[in-house]
Protein backbone atom coordinates (compact mmCIF):
# COMPACT_ATOMS: atom_id res chain seq x y z
CA MET A 1 -6.95 1.33 -15.88
CA LYS A 2 -5.27 -1.86 -16.19
CA LEU A 3 -1.49 -2.50 -16.75
CA SER A 4 -1.05 -3.71 -20.57
CA GLN A 5 0.30 -7.17 -20.92
CA THR A 6 3.83 -5.98 -21.75
CA GLU A 7 3.84 -3.40 -18.92
CA LYS A 8 2.61 -6.44 -16.39
CA LYS A 9 5.42 -8.98 -17.76
CA ILE A 10 8.06 -6.10 -17.27
CA ILE A 11 6.96 -5.80 -13.61
CA THR A 12 6.29 -9.18 -12.93
CA ASN A 13 9.93 -10.25 -14.42
CA ALA A 14 11.44 -7.69 -11.92
CA ILE A 15 10.04 -9.33 -9.01
CA ARG A 16 12.20 -12.01 -7.43
CA ASP A 17 10.89 -14.91 -5.76
CA ILE A 18 12.74 -16.20 -2.68
CA LYS A 19 11.96 -19.86 -1.55
CA ASP A 20 11.66 -20.52 2.10
CA PHE A 21 11.71 -17.32 3.35
CA PRO A 22 11.17 -16.03 6.03
CA GLN A 23 9.93 -19.71 6.92
CA PRO A 24 9.76 -22.99 5.23
CA GLY A 25 6.90 -23.22 2.57
CA ILE A 26 6.53 -19.47 2.04
CA ILE A 27 7.60 -17.97 -1.35
CA PHE A 28 8.38 -14.49 -0.72
CA LYS A 29 7.91 -11.75 -3.32
CA ASP A 30 11.24 -9.52 -3.17
CA ILE A 31 10.44 -6.14 -4.74
CA THR A 32 13.83 -4.95 -4.12
CA THR A 33 14.95 -6.24 -7.73
CA LEU A 34 12.10 -4.10 -8.95
CA LEU A 35 13.16 -1.07 -7.36
CA ASN A 36 16.72 -1.49 -8.67
CA ASN A 37 15.34 -1.95 -12.24
CA LYS A 38 15.00 1.58 -13.72
CA GLU A 39 12.68 0.48 -16.48
CA ALA A 40 10.44 -1.61 -14.20
CA TYR A 41 9.97 0.99 -11.55
CA GLY A 42 9.40 3.39 -14.06
CA VAL A 43 6.74 1.55 -15.71
CA LEU A 44 5.16 1.12 -12.44
CA MET A 45 5.28 4.57 -11.15
CA ASN A 46 4.00 5.83 -14.56
CA HIS A 47 1.09 3.66 -14.45
CA LEU A 48 0.22 4.67 -10.75
CA TYR A 49 0.36 8.31 -11.92
CA GLN A 50 -1.84 7.82 -14.94
CA LYS A 51 -4.29 5.94 -12.99
CA TYR A 52 -4.56 8.29 -10.11
CA LYS A 53 -3.93 11.57 -11.63
CA GLU A 54 -7.65 11.98 -12.05
CA TYR A 55 -8.89 11.21 -8.70
CA ASN A 56 -8.35 14.26 -7.31
CA LEU A 57 -6.50 13.05 -4.22
CA ASP A 58 -5.29 15.04 -1.37
CA PHE A 59 -2.92 12.53 0.23
CA ILE A 60 -0.91 9.25 -0.44
CA ALA A 61 -0.79 7.32 2.70
CA GLY A 62 2.11 4.59 2.96
CA ILE A 63 2.31 1.61 5.04
CA ASP A 64 5.50 1.00 6.79
CA ALA A 65 7.85 0.37 5.39
CA ARG A 66 7.77 -0.77 1.57
CA GLY A 67 4.35 1.43 1.23
CA PHE A 68 6.59 4.36 1.90
CA ILE A 69 9.01 3.80 -1.02
CA PHE A 70 5.87 3.83 -3.69
CA GLY A 71 3.90 6.35 -1.82
CA ALA A 72 6.20 9.21 -1.32
CA ALA A 73 7.25 8.92 -5.01
CA LEU A 74 3.69 8.76 -6.10
CA ALA A 75 2.73 11.78 -3.95
CA GLN A 76 5.40 13.90 -5.19
CA MET A 77 4.35 13.01 -8.82
CA LEU A 78 0.84 14.01 -8.14
CA GLY A 79 1.94 17.17 -6.32
CA ILE A 80 -0.01 16.31 -3.01
CA GLY A 81 1.18 15.16 0.70
CA PHE A 82 2.52 11.90 1.65
CA VAL A 83 1.21 10.37 5.11
CA PRO A 84 3.43 7.49 6.65
CA ILE A 85 1.38 4.78 8.70
CA ARG A 86 3.92 3.34 11.09
CA LYS A 87 4.29 0.45 13.48
CA LYS A 88 3.39 1.47 17.04
CA GLY A 89 5.91 3.64 19.00
CA LYS A 90 7.54 4.96 15.65
CA LEU A 91 5.68 8.28 15.29
CA PRO A 92 7.10 11.41 17.49
CA TYR A 93 3.74 13.45 17.84
CA THR A 94 -0.02 12.52 19.24
CA THR A 95 -1.14 9.50 17.27
CA ILE A 96 -4.07 7.10 16.93
CA SER A 97 -3.68 3.57 16.68
CA GLU A 98 -5.36 0.47 15.06
CA LYS A 99 -5.00 -3.34 16.40
CA TYR A 100 -4.97 -6.26 14.15
CA SER A 101 -4.56 -9.83 14.19
CA LEU A 102 -1.64 -11.87 13.06
CA GLU A 103 -1.05 -15.47 12.72
CA TYR A 104 0.90 -15.34 15.97
CA GLY A 105 -0.89 -12.66 17.78
CA ILE A 106 -1.66 -8.97 17.70
CA ASP A 107 0.28 -5.97 16.24
CA GLU A 108 -0.77 -2.33 16.06
CA ILE A 109 -0.24 0.51 13.65
CA GLU A 110 -0.69 4.49 14.16
CA VAL A 111 -0.90 7.49 12.36
CA HIS A 112 -0.35 11.26 13.53
CA LEU A 113 -3.74 12.49 15.08
CA ASP A 114 -3.59 15.54 12.65
CA ALA A 115 -2.32 14.03 9.52
CA PHE A 116 -5.28 14.80 7.23
CA SER A 117 -6.74 17.87 9.29
CA SER A 118 -5.11 20.35 6.65
CA ILE A 119 -8.18 19.29 4.51
CA PRO A 120 -11.47 18.57 5.72
CA HIS A 121 -12.62 15.01 4.41
CA ALA A 122 -9.20 14.46 2.46
CA LYS A 123 -9.45 11.85 -0.12
CA VAL A 124 -6.54 9.40 0.46
CA LEU A 125 -4.91 6.70 -1.54
CA LEU A 126 -3.46 3.94 0.81
CA ILE A 127 -0.65 2.25 -0.89
CA ASP A 128 1.97 -0.85 0.02
CA ASP A 129 3.82 -3.40 -1.78
CA LEU A 130 1.68 -6.33 -1.14
CA ILE A 131 -1.65 -7.55 0.35
CA ALA A 132 -1.57 -11.13 1.63
CA THR A 133 -4.21 -11.61 4.51
CA GLY A 134 -4.85 -8.02 4.75
CA GLY A 135 -4.78 -7.55 8.48
CA THR A 136 -2.58 -4.52 8.15
CA ALA A 137 -4.08 -3.12 5.17
CA ASN A 138 -7.33 -3.17 6.77
CA ALA A 139 -6.05 -1.37 10.02
CA ALA A 140 -4.62 1.04 8.01
CA ALA A 141 -7.78 1.88 5.79
CA LYS A 142 -9.66 2.11 9.09
CA LEU A 143 -7.32 4.33 10.71
CA ILE A 144 -7.42 6.61 7.68
CA ASN A 145 -10.94 6.97 7.85
CA GLN A 146 -10.95 7.19 12.08
CA ALA A 147 -8.21 10.36 11.54
CA GLY A 148 -11.16 12.38 9.48
CA ALA A 149 -10.31 11.47 6.01
CA ASN A 150 -11.80 9.13 3.36
CA CYS A 151 -9.56 5.91 2.12
CA VAL A 152 -10.87 6.14 -1.35
CA GLU A 153 -8.77 3.21 -2.56
CA ALA A 154 -5.99 0.69 -1.43
CA CYS A 155 -3.26 0.05 -4.19
CA PHE A 156 -0.82 -2.82 -4.01
CA VAL A 157 2.15 -3.64 -6.51
CA ILE A 158 1.20 -7.46 -5.56
CA GLY A 159 -1.91 -9.08 -4.64
CA LEU A 160 -2.14 -12.73 -3.10
CA ASN A 161 -5.44 -14.07 -4.41
CA PHE A 162 -5.06 -17.36 -2.66
CA LEU A 163 -5.31 -15.61 0.55
CA ASP A 164 -8.63 -13.45 1.60
CA GLY A 165 -7.01 -10.26 1.98
CA ILE A 166 -8.49 -8.48 -0.96
CA LYS A 167 -11.84 -9.86 -0.33
CA ASN A 168 -11.68 -8.74 3.05
CA LEU A 169 -10.25 -5.31 2.43
CA LYS A 170 -13.19 -4.63 -0.20
CA GLN A 171 -15.40 -4.50 2.70
CA THR A 172 -13.60 -1.38 3.72
CA THR A 173 -12.58 0.50 0.75
CA ASN A 174 -11.78 -0.26 -3.05
CA VAL A 175 -8.74 -2.26 -4.14
CA TYR A 176 -6.50 -2.18 -6.83
CA THR A 177 -3.52 -4.54 -7.56
CA LEU A 178 -1.15 -4.48 -10.48
CA VAL A 179 0.12 -7.93 -10.47
CA GLU A 180 -1.83 -10.71 -9.09
CA VAL A 181 -0.58 -14.12 -7.99
CA ASP A 182 -3.16 -17.14 -7.84
C-alpha cells in the first residue's frame, strides 16, 4: 500500500527544510511541523494504520527518540505493545546492545533483554522518522532479532535515496518509506 499523490503532498508539504543544520551543507528534514499539523499527522497515522493492520504484528519498536512519536501512537491504534530502542545507558533493566558506525565514530543502542519475551518469535515493526545512512536502523533491526523476535519490516516517514541506508537495511529486513528524497 502506497500513499496517494494527495496524501504524499499533504505530508511532504508539512515537513520543513532547515538549511545548514546541524552543519553547513546539510538540509535537515524537520518533522516538528508535520507533528503540529493535525491534517498531515492524521493522514500519516491513518495510512500507517491501514498499511499495517493486516500484518498481525505483536509489537512496534521505535528508535530513540522520534521513532517513539510514531511508534507509540501506531501501537496504540493497532492494539499492540510498544518497545523503545534507546541510546546506551537510558534503559533501567538488563539490556542487550548493538554497536554501529557513525561518520565520526561508534555509537550503541539497547533494548531490554525481555522486551519481546511475552510472545515467542514476536513479529515486530521497526519505525523511525528518517533513514539516511542506515547505521542506527540496521543496528536496531539486528537487535530486535537478537532479542528473539522477528523484525518483519522497517518503516520510515522519510527516506534519503541519495544515501545507501535503504539499500543496506534491505539486507536485514523489508523497508517501507512514505516520502523519498532523491
